[in-house]
Amino acid sequence: MPATTYDQVISEIKALNLSDQLRLLEETATLIRKRTSKPTLRSILELKGKGKDIWKGLNVRAYIDEERSSWNG
């Protein structure tokens, strides 16, 4: 949008009463959200294998027992 057109739009917005400015803002936000938000379906299976290096070489039974004992103070 050329600067003059932008400046004209801003000028027209300033001329609106507050109620109309807020309505314009809400409608503009809705239009932008519709254009930018594309829901991406995700699967829990994408997490498979994440962080597996953290657990490598760890005695799982000892870790679980330690965690459980911390719950009781």
C-alpha atoms as a PDB file:
ATOM      1  CA  MET A   1       0.000   0.000   0.000  1.00  0.00           C
ATOM      2  CA  PRO A   2       1.477   3.346  -0.993  1.00  0.00           C
ATOM      3  CA  ALA A   3       2.253   5.742   1.848  1.00  0.00           C
ATOM      4  CA  THR A   4      -0.363   8.234   0.693  1.00  0.00           C
ATOM      5  CA  THR A   5      -3.085   5.583   0.746  1.00  0.00           C
ATOM      6  CA  TYR A   6      -1.929   4.434   4.191  1.00  0.00           C
ATOM      7  CA  ASP A   7      -1.966   8.010   5.467  1.00  0.00           C
ATOM      8  CA  GLN A   8      -5.452   8.497   4.017  1.00  0.00           C
ATOM      9  CA  VAL A   9      -6.723   5.367   5.776  1.00  0.00           C
ATOM     10  CA  ILE A  10      -5.212   6.499   9.081  1.00  0.00           C
ATOM     11  CA  SER A  11      -6.801   9.896   8.630  1.00  0.00           C
ATOM     12  CA  GLU A  12     -10.201   8.303   8.008  1.00  0.00           C
ATOM     13  CA  ILE A  13      -9.810   6.063  11.054  1.00  0.00           C
ATOM     14  CA  LYS A  14      -9.047   9.078  13.224  1.00  0.00           C
ATOM     15  CA  ALA A  15     -12.240  10.695  11.970  1.00  0.00           C
ATOM     16  CA  LEU A  16     -14.341   7.763  13.227  1.00  0.00           C
ATOM     17  CA  ASN A  17     -15.884   7.890  16.671  1.00  0.00           C
ATOM     18  CA  LEU A  18     -14.382   5.642  19.343  1.00  0.00           C
ATOM     19  CA  SER A  19     -17.095   3.007  19.001  1.00  0.00           C
ATOM     20  CA  ASP A  20     -16.491   2.645  15.269  1.00  0.00           C
ATOM     21  CA  GLN A  21     -12.707   2.595  15.771  1.00  0.00           C
ATOM     22  CA  LEU A  22     -13.052  -0.288  18.228  1.00  0.00           C
ATOM     23  CA  ARG A  23     -15.390  -2.159  15.874  1.00  0.00           C
ATOM     24  CA  LEU A  24     -12.915  -1.666  13.022  1.00  0.00           C
ATOM     25  CA  LEU A  25     -10.089  -2.915  15.231  1.00  0.00           C
ATOM     26  CA  GLU A  26     -12.020  -6.062  16.170  1.00  0.00           C
ATOM     27  CA  GLU A  27     -12.995  -6.806  12.578  1.00  0.00           C
ATOM     28  CA  THR A  28      -9.438  -6.233  11.372  1.00  0.00           C
ATOM     29  CA  ALA A  29      -8.047  -8.534  14.076  1.00  0.00           C
ATOM     30  CA  THR A  30     -10.537 -11.227  13.051  1.00  0.00           C
ATOM     31  CA  LEU A  31      -9.511 -10.935   9.399  1.00  0.00           C
ATOM     32  CA  ILE A  32      -5.831 -11.202  10.292  1.00  0.00           C
ATOM     33  CA  ARG A  33      -6.401 -14.208  12.574  1.00  0.00           C
ATOM     34  CA  LYS A  34      -8.281 -16.021   9.809  1.00  0.00           C
ATOM     35  CA  ARG A  35      -5.436 -15.414   7.361  1.00  0.00           C
ATOM     36  CA  THR A  36      -2.618 -16.378   9.705  1.00  0.00           C
ATOM     37  CA  SER A  37      -3.960 -19.217  11.812  1.00  0.00           C
ATOM     38  CA  LYS A  38      -3.843 -22.564  10.136  1.00  0.00           C
ATOM     39  CA  PRO A  39      -4.463 -25.275  12.709  1.00  0.00           C
ATOM     40  CA  THR A  40      -1.867 -27.989  12.542  1.00  0.00           C
ATOM     41  CA  LEU A  41      -2.960 -31.403  13.629  1.00  0.00           C
ATOM     42  CA  ARG A  42      -0.275 -32.988  15.767  1.00  0.00           C
ATOM     43  CA  SER A  43       0.147 -36.508  17.055  1.00  0.00           C
ATOM     44  CA  ILE A  44       1.442 -37.594  20.439  1.00  0.00           C
ATOM     45  CA  LEU A  45       3.472 -40.140  18.497  1.00  0.00           C
ATOM     46  CA  GLU A  46       5.732 -37.310  17.311  1.00  0.00           C
ATOM     47  CA  LEU A  47       7.254 -37.365  20.785  1.00  0.00           C
ATOM     48  CA  LYS A  48       8.404 -40.967  20.462  1.00  0.00           C
ATOM     49  CA  GLY A  49      12.125 -41.198  21.137  1.00  0.00           C
ATOM     50  CA  LYS A  50      12.494 -37.589  22.301  1.00  0.00           C
ATOM     51  CA  GLY A  51      14.906 -37.340  25.231  1.00  0.00           C
ATOM     52  CA  LYS A  52      15.908 -40.998  25.052  1.00  0.00           C
ATOM     53  CA  ASP A  53      19.564 -40.013  25.506  1.00  0.00           C
ATOM     54  CA  ILE A  54      18.706 -38.575  28.944  1.00  0.00           C
ATOM     55  CA  TRP A  55      17.648 -42.027  30.156  1.00  0.00           C
ATOM     56  CA  LYS A  56      20.559 -43.922  28.595  1.00  0.00           C
ATOM     57  CA  GLY A  57      22.552 -45.829  31.229  1.00  0.00           C
ATOM     58  CA  LEU A  58      20.117 -44.950  34.024  1.00  0.00           C
ATOM     59  CA  ASN A  59      18.844 -47.581  36.447  1.00  0.00           C
ATOM     60  CA  VAL A  60      15.134 -47.015  35.957  1.00  0.00           C
ATOM     61  CA  ARG A  61      14.056 -48.952  39.068  1.00  0.00           C
ATOM     62  CA  ALA A  62      16.419 -46.922  41.295  1.00  0.00           C
ATOM     63  CA  TYR A  63      15.225 -43.672  39.710  1.00  0.00           C
ATOM     64  CA  ILE A  64      11.556 -44.523  40.269  1.00  0.00           C
ATOM     65  CA  ASP A  65      12.203 -45.613  43.858  1.00  0.00           C
ATOM     66  CA  GLU A  66      14.085 -42.379  44.547  1.00  0.00           C
ATOM     67  CA  GLU A  67      11.282 -40.263  43.057  1.00  0.00           C
ATOM     68  CA  ARG A  68       8.611 -42.100  45.034  1.00  0.00           C
ATOM     69  CA  SER A  69      10.518 -41.697  48.284  1.00  0.00           C
ATOM     70  CA  SER A  70      10.730 -37.924  47.692  1.00  0.00           C
ATOM     71  CA  TRP A  71       6.921 -37.693  47.559  1.00  0.00           C
ATOM     72  CA  ASN A  72       6.628 -38.622  51.229  1.00  0.00           C
ATOM     73  CA  GLY A  73       9.130 -36.037  52.350  1.00  0.00           C
END
